N, C-alpha and C. Protein backbone atom coordinates (compact mmCIF):
# COMPACT_ATOMS: atom_id res chain seq x y z
N MET A 1 -22.65 14.29 -9.83
CA MET A 1 -21.49 13.40 -9.97
C MET A 1 -20.20 14.09 -9.55
N ASN A 2 -20.12 15.41 -9.77
CA ASN A 2 -18.91 16.15 -9.42
C ASN A 2 -18.60 16.06 -7.93
N ILE A 3 -19.63 16.10 -7.12
CA ILE A 3 -19.40 16.08 -5.67
C ILE A 3 -18.81 14.74 -5.24
N TYR A 4 -19.20 13.66 -5.91
CA TYR A 4 -18.64 12.35 -5.57
C TYR A 4 -17.18 12.25 -6.02
N LEU A 5 -16.88 12.82 -7.17
CA LEU A 5 -15.50 12.82 -7.65
C LEU A 5 -14.62 13.68 -6.74
N GLU A 6 -15.15 14.82 -6.33
CA GLU A 6 -14.40 15.71 -5.44
C GLU A 6 -14.16 15.07 -4.08
N ALA A 7 -15.07 14.23 -3.63
CA ALA A 7 -14.89 13.53 -2.37
C ALA A 7 -13.93 12.35 -2.52
N PHE A 8 -13.93 11.74 -3.73
CA PHE A 8 -13.10 10.55 -3.98
C PHE A 8 -11.61 10.89 -4.07
N LEU A 9 -11.26 11.91 -4.83
CA LEU A 9 -9.87 12.19 -5.15
C LEU A 9 -8.99 12.49 -3.93
N PRO A 10 -9.41 13.37 -3.01
CA PRO A 10 -8.55 13.63 -1.85
C PRO A 10 -8.31 12.38 -1.00
N LEU A 11 -9.32 11.53 -0.87
CA LEU A 11 -9.17 10.31 -0.07
C LEU A 11 -8.25 9.32 -0.79
N PHE A 12 -8.34 9.26 -2.12
CA PHE A 12 -7.45 8.40 -2.90
C PHE A 12 -5.99 8.81 -2.69
N VAL A 13 -5.75 10.11 -2.70
CA VAL A 13 -4.39 10.62 -2.47
C VAL A 13 -3.95 10.33 -1.04
N ALA A 14 -4.86 10.51 -0.07
CA ALA A 14 -4.51 10.31 1.34
C ALA A 14 -4.20 8.85 1.64
N ILE A 15 -4.97 7.93 1.07
CA ILE A 15 -4.72 6.50 1.28
C ILE A 15 -3.43 6.07 0.60
N ASN A 16 -3.12 6.69 -0.55
CA ASN A 16 -1.86 6.44 -1.27
C ASN A 16 -1.69 4.96 -1.62
N LEU A 17 -2.61 4.46 -2.41
CA LEU A 17 -2.61 3.05 -2.80
C LEU A 17 -1.30 2.59 -3.46
N PRO A 18 -0.71 3.37 -4.40
CA PRO A 18 0.56 2.94 -4.99
C PRO A 18 1.67 2.79 -3.95
N GLY A 19 1.60 3.57 -2.89
CA GLY A 19 2.62 3.47 -1.85
C GLY A 19 2.37 2.33 -0.88
N ILE A 20 1.10 1.92 -0.74
CA ILE A 20 0.76 0.85 0.19
C ILE A 20 1.25 -0.50 -0.30
N LEU A 21 1.15 -0.75 -1.62
CA LEU A 21 1.44 -2.08 -2.17
C LEU A 21 2.84 -2.60 -1.83
N PRO A 22 3.92 -1.84 -2.10
CA PRO A 22 5.24 -2.37 -1.75
C PRO A 22 5.43 -2.55 -0.25
N LEU A 23 4.82 -1.68 0.54
CA LEU A 23 4.91 -1.82 2.00
C LEU A 23 4.19 -3.08 2.46
N PHE A 24 3.04 -3.35 1.85
CA PHE A 24 2.29 -4.56 2.16
C PHE A 24 3.10 -5.80 1.82
N ILE A 25 3.77 -5.78 0.68
CA ILE A 25 4.60 -6.91 0.28
C ILE A 25 5.75 -7.11 1.28
N GLY A 26 6.33 -6.01 1.72
CA GLY A 26 7.42 -6.11 2.69
C GLY A 26 6.97 -6.71 4.01
N LEU A 27 5.80 -6.32 4.47
CA LEU A 27 5.30 -6.80 5.76
C LEU A 27 4.81 -8.25 5.70
N THR A 28 4.42 -8.71 4.51
CA THR A 28 3.86 -10.06 4.40
C THR A 28 4.78 -11.00 3.62
N GLU A 29 6.03 -10.62 3.49
CA GLU A 29 6.98 -11.45 2.75
C GLU A 29 7.05 -12.86 3.35
N GLY A 30 7.00 -13.86 2.50
CA GLY A 30 7.12 -15.24 2.96
C GLY A 30 5.80 -15.91 3.27
N LEU A 31 4.70 -15.16 3.30
CA LEU A 31 3.40 -15.77 3.58
C LEU A 31 2.83 -16.40 2.32
N SER A 32 1.98 -17.40 2.49
CA SER A 32 1.32 -18.02 1.35
C SER A 32 0.28 -17.06 0.79
N VAL A 33 -0.16 -17.34 -0.43
CA VAL A 33 -1.16 -16.50 -1.08
C VAL A 33 -2.45 -16.47 -0.26
N SER A 34 -2.88 -17.63 0.25
CA SER A 34 -4.13 -17.67 1.03
C SER A 34 -4.01 -16.88 2.32
N ALA A 35 -2.87 -17.00 3.00
CA ALA A 35 -2.68 -16.25 4.25
C ALA A 35 -2.63 -14.76 3.98
N ARG A 36 -1.96 -14.39 2.89
CA ARG A 36 -1.86 -12.97 2.53
C ARG A 36 -3.24 -12.40 2.21
N ARG A 37 -4.05 -13.18 1.51
CA ARG A 37 -5.38 -12.68 1.14
C ARG A 37 -6.30 -12.60 2.36
N ARG A 38 -6.13 -13.51 3.32
CA ARG A 38 -6.90 -13.40 4.57
C ARG A 38 -6.55 -12.09 5.29
N LEU A 39 -5.27 -11.76 5.27
CA LEU A 39 -4.84 -10.51 5.90
C LEU A 39 -5.40 -9.30 5.17
N VAL A 40 -5.48 -9.38 3.83
CA VAL A 40 -6.04 -8.28 3.05
C VAL A 40 -7.49 -8.04 3.45
N VAL A 41 -8.28 -9.11 3.52
CA VAL A 41 -9.69 -8.98 3.90
C VAL A 41 -9.81 -8.40 5.31
N GLN A 42 -8.98 -8.90 6.23
CA GLN A 42 -9.02 -8.40 7.60
C GLN A 42 -8.62 -6.93 7.66
N ALA A 43 -7.58 -6.56 6.89
CA ALA A 43 -7.10 -5.19 6.91
C ALA A 43 -8.13 -4.22 6.34
N VAL A 44 -8.74 -4.60 5.20
CA VAL A 44 -9.73 -3.72 4.57
C VAL A 44 -10.98 -3.63 5.45
N THR A 45 -11.37 -4.74 6.07
CA THR A 45 -12.52 -4.71 6.98
C THR A 45 -12.25 -3.79 8.16
N THR A 46 -11.04 -3.90 8.73
CA THR A 46 -10.66 -3.02 9.84
C THR A 46 -10.69 -1.56 9.41
N ALA A 47 -10.09 -1.30 8.23
CA ALA A 47 -10.06 0.07 7.73
C ALA A 47 -11.47 0.62 7.52
N PHE A 48 -12.37 -0.23 7.02
CA PHE A 48 -13.75 0.21 6.78
C PHE A 48 -14.46 0.55 8.09
N VAL A 49 -14.34 -0.34 9.08
CA VAL A 49 -15.01 -0.13 10.36
C VAL A 49 -14.51 1.15 11.02
N VAL A 50 -13.19 1.32 11.03
CA VAL A 50 -12.61 2.52 11.66
C VAL A 50 -13.03 3.77 10.90
N SER A 51 -13.02 3.70 9.57
CA SER A 51 -13.39 4.86 8.76
C SER A 51 -14.83 5.28 8.97
N VAL A 52 -15.73 4.30 9.00
CA VAL A 52 -17.14 4.62 9.23
C VAL A 52 -17.34 5.21 10.62
N LEU A 53 -16.62 4.66 11.60
CA LEU A 53 -16.69 5.19 12.96
C LEU A 53 -16.21 6.63 12.99
N ILE A 54 -15.11 6.90 12.30
CA ILE A 54 -14.59 8.27 12.23
C ILE A 54 -15.56 9.19 11.50
N LEU A 55 -16.15 8.68 10.43
CA LEU A 55 -17.08 9.49 9.63
C LEU A 55 -18.27 9.96 10.45
N PHE A 56 -18.85 9.04 11.24
CA PHE A 56 -20.08 9.39 11.95
C PHE A 56 -19.87 9.85 13.39
N ALA A 57 -18.71 9.54 13.97
CA ALA A 57 -18.52 9.91 15.38
C ALA A 57 -17.11 10.38 15.69
N GLY A 58 -16.36 10.73 14.64
CA GLY A 58 -14.95 11.09 14.83
C GLY A 58 -14.73 12.25 15.78
N GLN A 59 -15.46 13.33 15.56
CA GLN A 59 -15.28 14.52 16.39
C GLN A 59 -15.61 14.23 17.85
N ILE A 60 -16.66 13.45 18.07
CA ILE A 60 -17.07 13.11 19.44
C ILE A 60 -16.01 12.24 20.11
N ILE A 61 -15.50 11.23 19.37
CA ILE A 61 -14.49 10.33 19.92
C ILE A 61 -13.23 11.09 20.30
N PHE A 62 -12.79 11.97 19.41
CA PHE A 62 -11.58 12.75 19.67
C PHE A 62 -11.77 13.61 20.92
N ARG A 63 -12.95 14.22 21.02
CA ARG A 63 -13.21 15.12 22.14
C ARG A 63 -13.28 14.35 23.46
N VAL A 64 -13.95 13.18 23.45
CA VAL A 64 -14.09 12.39 24.67
C VAL A 64 -12.74 11.84 25.15
N LEU A 65 -11.94 11.35 24.20
CA LEU A 65 -10.64 10.77 24.56
C LEU A 65 -9.56 11.83 24.76
N GLY A 66 -9.84 13.04 24.33
CA GLY A 66 -8.86 14.11 24.49
C GLY A 66 -7.66 13.96 23.58
N ILE A 67 -7.86 13.39 22.38
CA ILE A 67 -6.76 13.22 21.45
C ILE A 67 -6.98 14.05 20.20
N THR A 68 -5.91 14.22 19.44
CA THR A 68 -5.97 14.98 18.20
C THR A 68 -5.39 14.13 17.06
N VAL A 69 -5.52 14.64 15.84
CA VAL A 69 -4.93 13.96 14.69
C VAL A 69 -3.42 13.91 14.83
N ASN A 70 -2.83 14.93 15.46
CA ASN A 70 -1.38 14.94 15.67
C ASN A 70 -0.95 13.81 16.60
N ASP A 71 -1.76 13.51 17.59
CA ASP A 71 -1.47 12.37 18.46
C ASP A 71 -1.47 11.07 17.66
N LEU A 72 -2.43 10.94 16.73
CA LEU A 72 -2.49 9.75 15.88
C LEU A 72 -1.27 9.67 14.96
N ARG A 73 -0.81 10.81 14.47
CA ARG A 73 0.37 10.83 13.61
C ARG A 73 1.59 10.27 14.36
N VAL A 74 1.79 10.76 15.57
CA VAL A 74 2.96 10.31 16.34
C VAL A 74 2.83 8.84 16.71
N GLY A 75 1.66 8.44 17.20
CA GLY A 75 1.45 7.04 17.59
C GLY A 75 1.59 6.08 16.42
N GLY A 76 0.94 6.43 15.31
CA GLY A 76 1.03 5.58 14.11
C GLY A 76 2.45 5.55 13.56
N GLY A 77 3.13 6.68 13.60
CA GLY A 77 4.50 6.74 13.12
C GLY A 77 5.43 5.86 13.94
N LEU A 78 5.25 5.85 15.25
CA LEU A 78 6.09 5.01 16.11
C LEU A 78 5.89 3.52 15.81
N ILE A 79 4.63 3.13 15.59
CA ILE A 79 4.34 1.72 15.25
C ILE A 79 5.03 1.32 13.96
N LEU A 80 4.89 2.16 12.93
CA LEU A 80 5.51 1.85 11.65
C LEU A 80 7.03 1.85 11.74
N LEU A 81 7.58 2.76 12.54
CA LEU A 81 9.04 2.84 12.68
C LEU A 81 9.60 1.57 13.31
N VAL A 82 8.95 1.09 14.36
CA VAL A 82 9.40 -0.14 15.02
C VAL A 82 9.35 -1.32 14.05
N LEU A 83 8.24 -1.42 13.29
CA LEU A 83 8.09 -2.53 12.35
C LEU A 83 9.14 -2.49 11.23
N SER A 84 9.39 -1.29 10.71
CA SER A 84 10.35 -1.17 9.62
C SER A 84 11.76 -1.47 10.09
N ILE A 85 12.14 -1.01 11.27
CA ILE A 85 13.47 -1.28 11.81
C ILE A 85 13.63 -2.78 12.08
N SER A 86 12.59 -3.40 12.63
CA SER A 86 12.65 -4.85 12.89
C SER A 86 12.87 -5.62 11.60
N ASP A 87 12.19 -5.20 10.53
CA ASP A 87 12.32 -5.91 9.26
C ASP A 87 13.68 -5.69 8.63
N LEU A 88 14.22 -4.48 8.76
CA LEU A 88 15.51 -4.18 8.16
C LEU A 88 16.66 -4.87 8.89
N LEU A 89 16.59 -4.90 10.23
CA LEU A 89 17.70 -5.43 11.01
C LEU A 89 17.55 -6.91 11.33
N PHE A 90 16.30 -7.36 11.45
CA PHE A 90 16.06 -8.76 11.83
C PHE A 90 15.12 -9.39 10.81
N GLY A 91 15.59 -9.47 9.57
CA GLY A 91 14.74 -9.93 8.46
C GLY A 91 14.22 -11.33 8.63
N ASP A 92 14.92 -12.16 9.41
CA ASP A 92 14.52 -13.56 9.56
C ASP A 92 13.74 -13.82 10.84
N TYR A 93 13.30 -12.72 11.51
CA TYR A 93 12.56 -12.94 12.75
C TYR A 93 11.22 -13.58 12.46
N LYS A 94 10.65 -14.22 13.45
CA LYS A 94 9.36 -14.90 13.27
C LYS A 94 8.26 -13.86 13.10
N ARG A 95 7.69 -13.81 11.92
CA ARG A 95 6.68 -12.81 11.63
C ARG A 95 5.35 -13.14 12.29
N ARG A 96 4.64 -12.08 12.65
CA ARG A 96 3.28 -12.28 13.12
C ARG A 96 2.42 -12.55 11.90
N SER A 97 1.71 -13.65 11.90
CA SER A 97 0.87 -13.99 10.76
C SER A 97 -0.15 -15.03 11.16
N PRO A 98 -1.19 -15.24 10.35
CA PRO A 98 -2.15 -16.30 10.66
C PRO A 98 -1.47 -17.66 10.74
N GLU A 99 -0.38 -17.85 9.96
CA GLU A 99 0.30 -19.13 9.97
C GLU A 99 1.12 -19.35 11.24
N ASN A 100 1.40 -18.26 11.95
CA ASN A 100 2.12 -18.36 13.21
C ASN A 100 1.18 -18.26 14.41
N GLY A 101 -0.12 -18.30 14.15
CA GLY A 101 -1.09 -18.26 15.23
C GLY A 101 -1.45 -16.86 15.68
N ASP A 102 -1.07 -15.85 14.91
CA ASP A 102 -1.38 -14.47 15.28
C ASP A 102 -1.93 -13.75 14.06
N SER A 103 -3.20 -13.36 14.12
CA SER A 103 -3.84 -12.73 12.97
C SER A 103 -3.99 -11.23 13.14
N SER A 104 -3.30 -10.64 14.13
CA SER A 104 -3.49 -9.22 14.40
C SER A 104 -2.77 -8.33 13.39
N LEU A 105 -1.91 -8.90 12.55
CA LEU A 105 -1.18 -8.11 11.56
C LEU A 105 -2.12 -7.39 10.61
N GLY A 106 -3.27 -7.99 10.33
CA GLY A 106 -4.24 -7.36 9.45
C GLY A 106 -4.88 -6.13 10.06
N VAL A 107 -4.93 -6.10 11.39
CA VAL A 107 -5.52 -4.94 12.08
C VAL A 107 -4.49 -3.83 12.19
N VAL A 108 -3.36 -4.14 12.83
CA VAL A 108 -2.24 -3.20 12.99
C VAL A 108 -0.98 -3.91 12.53
N PRO A 109 -0.23 -3.38 11.58
CA PRO A 109 -0.34 -2.03 11.03
C PRO A 109 -1.04 -1.95 9.67
N LEU A 110 -1.56 -3.07 9.13
CA LEU A 110 -2.10 -3.02 7.77
C LEU A 110 -3.39 -2.18 7.70
N GLY A 111 -4.38 -2.54 8.52
CA GLY A 111 -5.62 -1.77 8.50
C GLY A 111 -5.41 -0.35 8.97
N ILE A 112 -4.72 -0.26 10.12
CA ILE A 112 -4.36 1.03 10.71
C ILE A 112 -2.89 0.94 11.12
N PRO A 113 -2.00 1.82 10.77
CA PRO A 113 -2.26 3.07 10.06
C PRO A 113 -1.88 3.07 8.58
N LEU A 114 -1.63 1.89 7.97
CA LEU A 114 -1.21 1.90 6.57
C LEU A 114 -2.35 2.29 5.62
N ILE A 115 -3.49 1.58 5.71
CA ILE A 115 -4.60 1.90 4.82
C ILE A 115 -5.32 3.16 5.30
N VAL A 116 -5.73 3.16 6.55
CA VAL A 116 -6.39 4.35 7.12
C VAL A 116 -5.48 4.92 8.20
N GLY A 117 -4.69 5.89 7.80
CA GLY A 117 -3.80 6.57 8.72
C GLY A 117 -4.31 7.96 9.05
N PRO A 118 -3.47 8.77 9.68
CA PRO A 118 -3.90 10.13 10.05
C PRO A 118 -4.35 10.97 8.86
N ALA A 119 -3.67 10.84 7.71
CA ALA A 119 -4.05 11.64 6.54
C ALA A 119 -5.46 11.26 6.07
N ALA A 120 -5.74 9.95 6.02
CA ALA A 120 -7.06 9.49 5.59
C ALA A 120 -8.14 9.90 6.59
N ILE A 121 -7.83 9.79 7.88
CA ILE A 121 -8.79 10.17 8.91
C ILE A 121 -9.14 11.66 8.80
N THR A 122 -8.11 12.49 8.64
CA THR A 122 -8.33 13.92 8.48
C THR A 122 -9.16 14.21 7.24
N THR A 123 -8.84 13.52 6.13
CA THR A 123 -9.56 13.72 4.88
C THR A 123 -11.03 13.33 5.01
N ILE A 124 -11.29 12.24 5.72
CA ILE A 124 -12.68 11.81 5.93
C ILE A 124 -13.46 12.86 6.70
N LEU A 125 -12.86 13.41 7.74
CA LEU A 125 -13.53 14.43 8.55
C LEU A 125 -13.81 15.69 7.73
N VAL A 126 -12.82 16.10 6.93
CA VAL A 126 -12.98 17.30 6.10
C VAL A 126 -14.03 17.05 5.00
N ALA A 127 -13.99 15.86 4.38
CA ALA A 127 -14.95 15.54 3.32
C ALA A 127 -16.37 15.51 3.85
N GLN A 128 -16.54 14.99 5.05
CA GLN A 128 -17.89 14.94 5.64
C GLN A 128 -18.46 16.34 5.81
N GLN A 129 -17.60 17.27 6.24
CA GLN A 129 -18.05 18.65 6.44
C GLN A 129 -18.28 19.36 5.11
N SER A 130 -17.50 18.98 4.07
CA SER A 130 -17.57 19.68 2.78
C SER A 130 -18.61 19.09 1.84
N PHE A 131 -18.73 17.76 1.82
CA PHE A 131 -19.57 17.10 0.82
C PHE A 131 -20.73 16.31 1.42
N GLY A 132 -20.78 16.14 2.72
CA GLY A 132 -21.87 15.41 3.36
C GLY A 132 -21.57 13.93 3.52
N TYR A 133 -22.45 13.25 4.23
CA TYR A 133 -22.24 11.83 4.53
C TYR A 133 -22.32 10.91 3.31
N PRO A 134 -23.34 11.06 2.43
CA PRO A 134 -23.45 10.10 1.31
C PRO A 134 -22.22 10.10 0.40
N ALA A 135 -21.77 11.27 -0.04
CA ALA A 135 -20.63 11.36 -0.95
C ALA A 135 -19.37 10.83 -0.30
N THR A 136 -19.17 11.15 0.98
CA THR A 136 -17.97 10.68 1.69
C THR A 136 -18.00 9.17 1.85
N LEU A 137 -19.16 8.61 2.16
CA LEU A 137 -19.29 7.16 2.33
C LEU A 137 -19.04 6.43 1.01
N VAL A 138 -19.58 6.95 -0.08
CA VAL A 138 -19.36 6.33 -1.39
C VAL A 138 -17.89 6.39 -1.77
N SER A 139 -17.25 7.53 -1.56
CA SER A 139 -15.82 7.65 -1.89
C SER A 139 -14.99 6.70 -1.05
N LEU A 140 -15.39 6.50 0.19
CA LEU A 140 -14.68 5.57 1.07
C LEU A 140 -14.82 4.14 0.57
N LEU A 141 -16.04 3.75 0.19
CA LEU A 141 -16.28 2.39 -0.31
C LEU A 141 -15.50 2.12 -1.60
N VAL A 142 -15.48 3.08 -2.51
CA VAL A 142 -14.77 2.91 -3.78
C VAL A 142 -13.27 2.79 -3.54
N ASN A 143 -12.73 3.65 -2.67
CA ASN A 143 -11.30 3.61 -2.38
C ASN A 143 -10.89 2.30 -1.72
N LEU A 144 -11.67 1.83 -0.77
CA LEU A 144 -11.34 0.57 -0.10
C LEU A 144 -11.51 -0.61 -1.05
N GLY A 145 -12.47 -0.51 -2.00
CA GLY A 145 -12.61 -1.55 -3.02
C GLY A 145 -11.36 -1.63 -3.89
N LEU A 146 -10.81 -0.48 -4.25
CA LEU A 146 -9.57 -0.44 -5.03
C LEU A 146 -8.41 -1.05 -4.25
N VAL A 147 -8.34 -0.72 -2.95
CA VAL A 147 -7.29 -1.28 -2.10
C VAL A 147 -7.39 -2.81 -2.07
N LEU A 148 -8.61 -3.32 -1.92
CA LEU A 148 -8.83 -4.77 -1.86
C LEU A 148 -8.34 -5.45 -3.13
N VAL A 149 -8.70 -4.91 -4.29
CA VAL A 149 -8.32 -5.51 -5.58
C VAL A 149 -6.80 -5.47 -5.77
N VAL A 150 -6.20 -4.32 -5.50
CA VAL A 150 -4.76 -4.17 -5.74
C VAL A 150 -3.95 -5.06 -4.79
N LEU A 151 -4.33 -5.12 -3.52
CA LEU A 151 -3.58 -5.95 -2.58
C LEU A 151 -3.83 -7.45 -2.81
N PHE A 152 -4.97 -7.78 -3.40
CA PHE A 152 -5.25 -9.18 -3.73
C PHE A 152 -4.34 -9.68 -4.86
N TYR A 153 -4.19 -8.86 -5.91
CA TYR A 153 -3.52 -9.33 -7.12
C TYR A 153 -2.15 -8.70 -7.37
N GLY A 154 -1.87 -7.56 -6.73
CA GLY A 154 -0.59 -6.89 -6.94
C GLY A 154 0.63 -7.71 -6.57
N PRO A 155 0.65 -8.34 -5.39
CA PRO A 155 1.84 -9.12 -5.00
C PRO A 155 2.18 -10.23 -5.99
N GLN A 156 1.17 -10.91 -6.55
CA GLN A 156 1.44 -11.99 -7.49
C GLN A 156 2.11 -11.45 -8.76
N LEU A 157 1.69 -10.26 -9.18
CA LEU A 157 2.30 -9.66 -10.37
C LEU A 157 3.76 -9.30 -10.11
N LEU A 158 4.04 -8.76 -8.94
CA LEU A 158 5.42 -8.39 -8.62
C LEU A 158 6.30 -9.61 -8.41
N GLN A 159 5.72 -10.70 -7.88
CA GLN A 159 6.51 -11.90 -7.62
C GLN A 159 6.96 -12.59 -8.91
N LYS A 160 6.30 -12.27 -10.02
CA LYS A 160 6.73 -12.83 -11.30
C LYS A 160 8.11 -12.31 -11.70
N LEU A 161 8.56 -11.24 -11.03
CA LEU A 161 9.90 -10.71 -11.31
C LEU A 161 10.98 -11.61 -10.73
N GLY A 162 10.60 -12.53 -9.84
CA GLY A 162 11.58 -13.44 -9.24
C GLY A 162 11.70 -13.23 -7.76
N SER A 163 12.17 -14.25 -7.05
CA SER A 163 12.27 -14.21 -5.59
C SER A 163 13.25 -13.15 -5.11
N ALA A 164 14.42 -13.09 -5.75
CA ALA A 164 15.44 -12.13 -5.32
C ALA A 164 14.96 -10.70 -5.50
N THR A 165 14.33 -10.43 -6.64
CA THR A 165 13.81 -9.09 -6.91
C THR A 165 12.70 -8.74 -5.93
N SER A 166 11.84 -9.71 -5.65
CA SER A 166 10.75 -9.48 -4.72
C SER A 166 11.27 -9.14 -3.32
N LYS A 167 12.31 -9.87 -2.88
CA LYS A 167 12.89 -9.59 -1.56
C LYS A 167 13.57 -8.22 -1.53
N ALA A 168 14.23 -7.87 -2.64
CA ALA A 168 14.87 -6.56 -2.72
C ALA A 168 13.84 -5.45 -2.62
N ILE A 169 12.71 -5.62 -3.33
CA ILE A 169 11.62 -4.64 -3.27
C ILE A 169 11.09 -4.52 -1.86
N ALA A 170 10.97 -5.68 -1.17
CA ALA A 170 10.46 -5.69 0.21
C ALA A 170 11.38 -4.91 1.14
N LYS A 171 12.70 -5.07 0.96
CA LYS A 171 13.66 -4.37 1.81
C LYS A 171 13.64 -2.87 1.55
N VAL A 172 13.58 -2.51 0.27
CA VAL A 172 13.49 -1.08 -0.07
C VAL A 172 12.20 -0.49 0.49
N ALA A 173 11.11 -1.27 0.42
CA ALA A 173 9.84 -0.81 0.96
C ALA A 173 9.95 -0.58 2.46
N SER A 174 10.67 -1.44 3.17
CA SER A 174 10.86 -1.26 4.61
C SER A 174 11.63 0.01 4.91
N LEU A 175 12.60 0.32 4.04
CA LEU A 175 13.36 1.56 4.22
C LEU A 175 12.46 2.78 4.03
N PHE A 176 11.62 2.72 3.00
CA PHE A 176 10.69 3.83 2.78
C PHE A 176 9.65 3.89 3.90
N LEU A 177 9.27 2.74 4.43
CA LEU A 177 8.33 2.71 5.54
C LEU A 177 8.91 3.44 6.74
N ALA A 178 10.21 3.24 6.99
CA ALA A 178 10.87 3.95 8.09
C ALA A 178 10.84 5.46 7.84
N ALA A 179 11.10 5.85 6.59
CA ALA A 179 11.08 7.28 6.25
C ALA A 179 9.68 7.87 6.43
N ILE A 180 8.67 7.12 5.99
CA ILE A 180 7.28 7.58 6.16
C ILE A 180 6.94 7.71 7.64
N ALA A 181 7.41 6.76 8.45
CA ALA A 181 7.16 6.79 9.89
C ALA A 181 7.77 8.05 10.51
N VAL A 182 9.01 8.35 10.15
CA VAL A 182 9.68 9.54 10.68
C VAL A 182 8.93 10.80 10.24
N ALA A 183 8.47 10.83 8.98
CA ALA A 183 7.71 11.98 8.49
C ALA A 183 6.40 12.15 9.26
N MET A 184 5.73 11.03 9.59
CA MET A 184 4.49 11.10 10.36
C MET A 184 4.75 11.64 11.75
N ILE A 185 5.82 11.16 12.39
CA ILE A 185 6.16 11.62 13.73
C ILE A 185 6.51 13.11 13.70
N ARG A 186 7.31 13.52 12.70
CA ARG A 186 7.70 14.92 12.59
C ARG A 186 6.48 15.82 12.39
N ALA A 187 5.57 15.39 11.49
CA ALA A 187 4.38 16.19 11.23
C ALA A 187 3.51 16.31 12.48
N GLY A 188 3.42 15.20 13.24
CA GLY A 188 2.64 15.23 14.47
C GLY A 188 3.22 16.17 15.50
N ILE A 189 4.55 16.13 15.68
CA ILE A 189 5.22 16.99 16.66
C ILE A 189 5.10 18.47 16.26
N LEU A 190 5.34 18.74 14.96
CA LEU A 190 5.21 20.12 14.49
C LEU A 190 3.78 20.62 14.65
N GLY A 191 2.80 19.73 14.39
CA GLY A 191 1.41 20.12 14.58
C GLY A 191 1.09 20.42 16.03
N MET A 192 1.65 19.64 16.95
CA MET A 192 1.46 19.90 18.38
C MET A 192 2.05 21.24 18.78
N ILE A 193 3.27 21.52 18.25
CA ILE A 193 3.93 22.77 18.58
C ILE A 193 3.12 23.96 18.05
N ALA A 194 2.64 23.81 16.79
CA ALA A 194 1.84 24.88 16.20
C ALA A 194 0.55 25.11 16.97
N ALA A 195 -0.10 24.01 17.42
CA ALA A 195 -1.34 24.11 18.19
C ALA A 195 -1.09 24.77 19.54
N ALA A 196 0.03 24.43 20.16
CA ALA A 196 0.36 25.02 21.46
C ALA A 196 0.67 26.50 21.31
N GLY A 197 1.33 26.86 20.20
CA GLY A 197 1.68 28.26 19.98
C GLY A 197 0.48 29.10 19.63
N GLY A 198 -0.52 28.42 18.99
CA GLY A 198 -1.72 29.16 18.58
C GLY A 198 -2.64 29.39 19.75
């Protein structure tokens, strides 16, 4: 049982579920409950597929494409930065959503890189080498199950605080999303510099 717990905890920290919830609310502000839940299912499904792919073929994919985790950090950070700036400056812009005829929001940025970002990808690769495939797969399933439950019911609990409070939380979340994006880009660039120097 210890090996499963040891595989679970680092991935739980890397996914950062408490940090995902307010960001999710900010990105899906104004959507109906049904539309939001469709996005949750799509996002978690995307995260699962990508995670399993990384678990069983991550090293091969990285080698064939010639990319590194640092490349993912910079790319994912740029995506999140653009989204956060758009939300902060153009809060009333037409959101991408199933209700607007575009369901890709569940794939990017919700599935990737919010739920499964560079930190989670790195953790999955390290866990596979340290604990093996079964323990890593179980920890992945449990973590994504927690994400599904929290994103399904968390927004409704926060919305009970009122519309104004909910919108304020969404805006603050967008600000933190911008900060997280900059941190991802910085970590990616520093990692590239360190790799080049090594």
